[in-house]
Amino acid sequence: MCTCMCVCGFRLVASVFRLCEVEKRAVEVKLGHLLSPEVGCTIMWFLRRWSLSYLLPIETYYSEVSLLSCFCSDGDGSSSRSRGVIGA
């Protein structure tokens, strides 16, 4: 069950990215006037919600470890943790 749900979620995100690429190419060849503003708005809404959920975590929810201190250049232990993640 979980595998099927994960695959469906992956397909949904991949389809949205493909649709973004189609819109980008249409704008590049000056066919932007043929695009639907409603579809573009819905794509942006979806990407904002998806990125906030999966790509841009709210750091205050994670009290045990600070993501910024792990990976920012001026954070505590950034070089040792980054080396661990990168494998250097």
C-alpha atoms as a PDB file:
ATOM      1  CA  MET A   1       0.000   0.000   0.000  1.00  0.00           C
ATOM      2  CA  CYS A   2       2.711   2.482   0.972  1.00  0.00           C
ATOM      3  CA  THR A   3       4.751   1.706  -2.129  1.00  0.00           C
ATOM      4  CA  CYS A   4       1.775   2.428  -4.369  1.00  0.00           C
ATOM      5  CA  MET A   5       1.070   5.717  -2.569  1.00  0.00           C
ATOM      6  CA  CYS A   6       4.741   6.742  -2.820  1.00  0.00           C
ATOM      7  CA  VAL A   7       4.828   5.934  -6.518  1.00  0.00           C
ATOM      8  CA  CYS A   8       1.633   7.921  -7.095  1.00  0.00           C
ATOM      9  CA  GLY A   9       3.082  10.878  -5.191  1.00  0.00           C
ATOM     10  CA  PHE A  10       6.301  10.719  -7.190  1.00  0.00           C
ATOM     11  CA  ARG A  11       4.343  10.570 -10.452  1.00  0.00           C
ATOM     12  CA  LEU A  12       2.273  13.579  -9.427  1.00  0.00           C
ATOM     13  CA  VAL A  13       5.338  15.710  -8.660  1.00  0.00           C
ATOM     14  CA  ALA A  14       7.105  14.536 -11.831  1.00  0.00           C
ATOM     15  CA  SER A  15       4.020  15.449 -13.881  1.00  0.00           C
ATOM     16  CA  VAL A  16       3.906  18.936 -12.369  1.00  0.00           C
ATOM     17  CA  PHE A  17       7.602  19.421 -13.192  1.00  0.00           C
ATOM     18  CA  ARG A  18       6.951  18.309 -16.787  1.00  0.00           C
ATOM     19  CA  LEU A  19       4.063  20.760 -17.022  1.00  0.00           C
ATOM     20  CA  CYS A  20       6.359  23.518 -15.712  1.00  0.00           C
ATOM     21  CA  GLU A  21       8.844  22.648 -18.442  1.00  0.00           C
ATOM     22  CA  VAL A  22       6.132  22.850 -21.114  1.00  0.00           C
ATOM     23  CA  GLU A  23       5.062  26.269 -19.844  1.00  0.00           C
ATOM     24  CA  LYS A  24       8.670  27.468 -19.705  1.00  0.00           C
ATOM     25  CA  ARG A  25       9.317  26.409 -23.290  1.00  0.00           C
ATOM     26  CA  ALA A  26       6.096  28.005 -24.474  1.00  0.00           C
ATOM     27  CA  VAL A  27       7.143  31.310 -22.926  1.00  0.00           C
ATOM     28  CA  GLU A  28      10.630  31.011 -24.459  1.00  0.00           C
ATOM     29  CA  VAL A  29       9.189  30.712 -27.988  1.00  0.00           C
ATOM     30  CA  LYS A  30       6.762  33.601 -27.407  1.00  0.00           C
ATOM     31  CA  LEU A  31       3.635  31.469 -27.045  1.00  0.00           C
ATOM     32  CA  GLY A  32       2.894  32.566 -23.488  1.00  0.00           C
ATOM     33  CA  HIS A  33      -0.350  34.199 -24.581  1.00  0.00           C
ATOM     34  CA  LEU A  34      -1.732  30.706 -25.304  1.00  0.00           C
ATOM     35  CA  LEU A  35      -1.176  29.480 -21.739  1.00  0.00           C
ATOM     36  CA  SER A  36      -3.910  29.347 -19.146  1.00  0.00           C
ATOM     37  CA  PRO A  37      -3.340  31.723 -16.218  1.00  0.00           C
ATOM     38  CA  GLU A  38      -5.432  29.407 -14.024  1.00  0.00           C
ATOM     39  CA  VAL A  39      -3.176  26.428 -14.765  1.00  0.00           C
ATOM     40  CA  GLY A  40      -0.059  28.503 -14.118  1.00  0.00           C
ATOM     41  CA  CYS A  41      -1.484  29.761 -10.831  1.00  0.00           C
ATOM     42  CA  THR A  42      -2.410  26.232  -9.766  1.00  0.00           C
ATOM     43  CA  ILE A  43       1.074  24.965 -10.604  1.00  0.00           C
ATOM     44  CA  MET A  44       2.640  27.715  -8.494  1.00  0.00           C
ATOM     45  CA  TRP A  45       0.250  26.964  -5.618  1.00  0.00           C
ATOM     46  CA  PHE A  46       1.130  23.262  -5.741  1.00  0.00           C
ATOM     47  CA  LEU A  47       4.885  23.902  -5.908  1.00  0.00           C
ATOM     48  CA  ARG A  48       4.721  26.317  -2.989  1.00  0.00           C
ATOM     49  CA  ARG A  49       2.796  23.842  -0.832  1.00  0.00           C
ATOM     50  CA  TRP A  50       5.013  20.920  -1.866  1.00  0.00           C
ATOM     51  CA  SER A  51       8.272  22.783  -1.322  1.00  0.00           C
ATOM     52  CA  LEU A  52       7.215  24.074   2.089  1.00  0.00           C
ATOM     53  CA  SER A  53       6.322  20.532   3.113  1.00  0.00           C
ATOM     54  CA  TYR A  54       9.229  18.608   1.648  1.00  0.00           C
ATOM     55  CA  LEU A  55      12.066  20.978   0.738  1.00  0.00           C
ATOM     56  CA  LEU A  56      11.898  23.910   3.143  1.00  0.00           C
ATOM     57  CA  PRO A  57      11.299  22.585   6.651  1.00  0.00           C
ATOM     58  CA  ILE A  58      10.368  25.067   9.373  1.00  0.00           C
ATOM     59  CA  GLU A  59      13.396  24.917  11.645  1.00  0.00           C
ATOM     60  CA  THR A  60      11.509  25.734  14.850  1.00  0.00           C
ATOM     61  CA  TYR A  61       9.803  22.323  14.581  1.00  0.00           C
ATOM     62  CA  TYR A  62      13.164  20.586  15.054  1.00  0.00           C
ATOM     63  CA  SER A  63      14.494  21.356  18.521  1.00  0.00           C
ATOM     64  CA  GLU A  64      17.116  18.599  18.660  1.00  0.00           C
ATOM     65  CA  VAL A  65      19.271  19.745  15.749  1.00  0.00           C
ATOM     66  CA  SER A  66      19.491  23.015  13.916  1.00  0.00           C
ATOM     67  CA  LEU A  67      19.646  22.596  10.157  1.00  0.00           C
ATOM     68  CA  LEU A  68      21.237  26.005   9.770  1.00  0.00           C
ATOM     69  CA  SER A  69      23.971  25.224  12.283  1.00  0.00           C
ATOM     70  CA  CYS A  70      24.717  21.997  10.438  1.00  0.00           C
ATOM     71  CA  PHE A  71      25.082  23.370   6.956  1.00  0.00           C
ATOM     72  CA  CYS A  72      25.691  27.129   7.119  1.00  0.00           C
ATOM     73  CA  SER A  73      29.273  28.256   6.841  1.00  0.00           C
ATOM     74  CA  ASP A  74      29.190  30.163  10.126  1.00  0.00           C
ATOM     75  CA  GLY A  75      27.262  27.550  12.149  1.00  0.00           C
ATOM     76  CA  ASP A  76      28.628  25.314  14.888  1.00  0.00           C
ATOM     77  CA  GLY A  77      30.181  22.187  13.481  1.00  0.00           C
ATOM     78  CA  SER A  78      29.283  23.017   9.927  1.00  0.00           C
ATOM     79  CA  SER A  79      32.504  21.741   8.431  1.00  0.00           C
ATOM     80  CA  SER A  80      32.507  18.406  10.259  1.00  0.00           C
ATOM     81  CA  ARG A  81      28.838  17.695   9.582  1.00  0.00           C
ATOM     82  CA  SER A  82      29.113  18.804   5.964  1.00  0.00           C
ATOM     83  CA  ARG A  83      32.091  16.515   5.476  1.00  0.00           C
ATOM     84  CA  GLY A  84      30.040  13.678   6.944  1.00  0.00           C
ATOM     85  CA  VAL A  85      27.156  14.309   4.562  1.00  0.00           C
ATOM     86  CA  ILE A  86      29.367  14.871   1.534  1.00  0.00           C
ATOM     87  CA  GLY A  87      31.649  11.998   2.415  1.00  0.00           C
ATOM     88  CA  ALA A  88      34.885  14.011   2.305  1.00  0.00           C
END
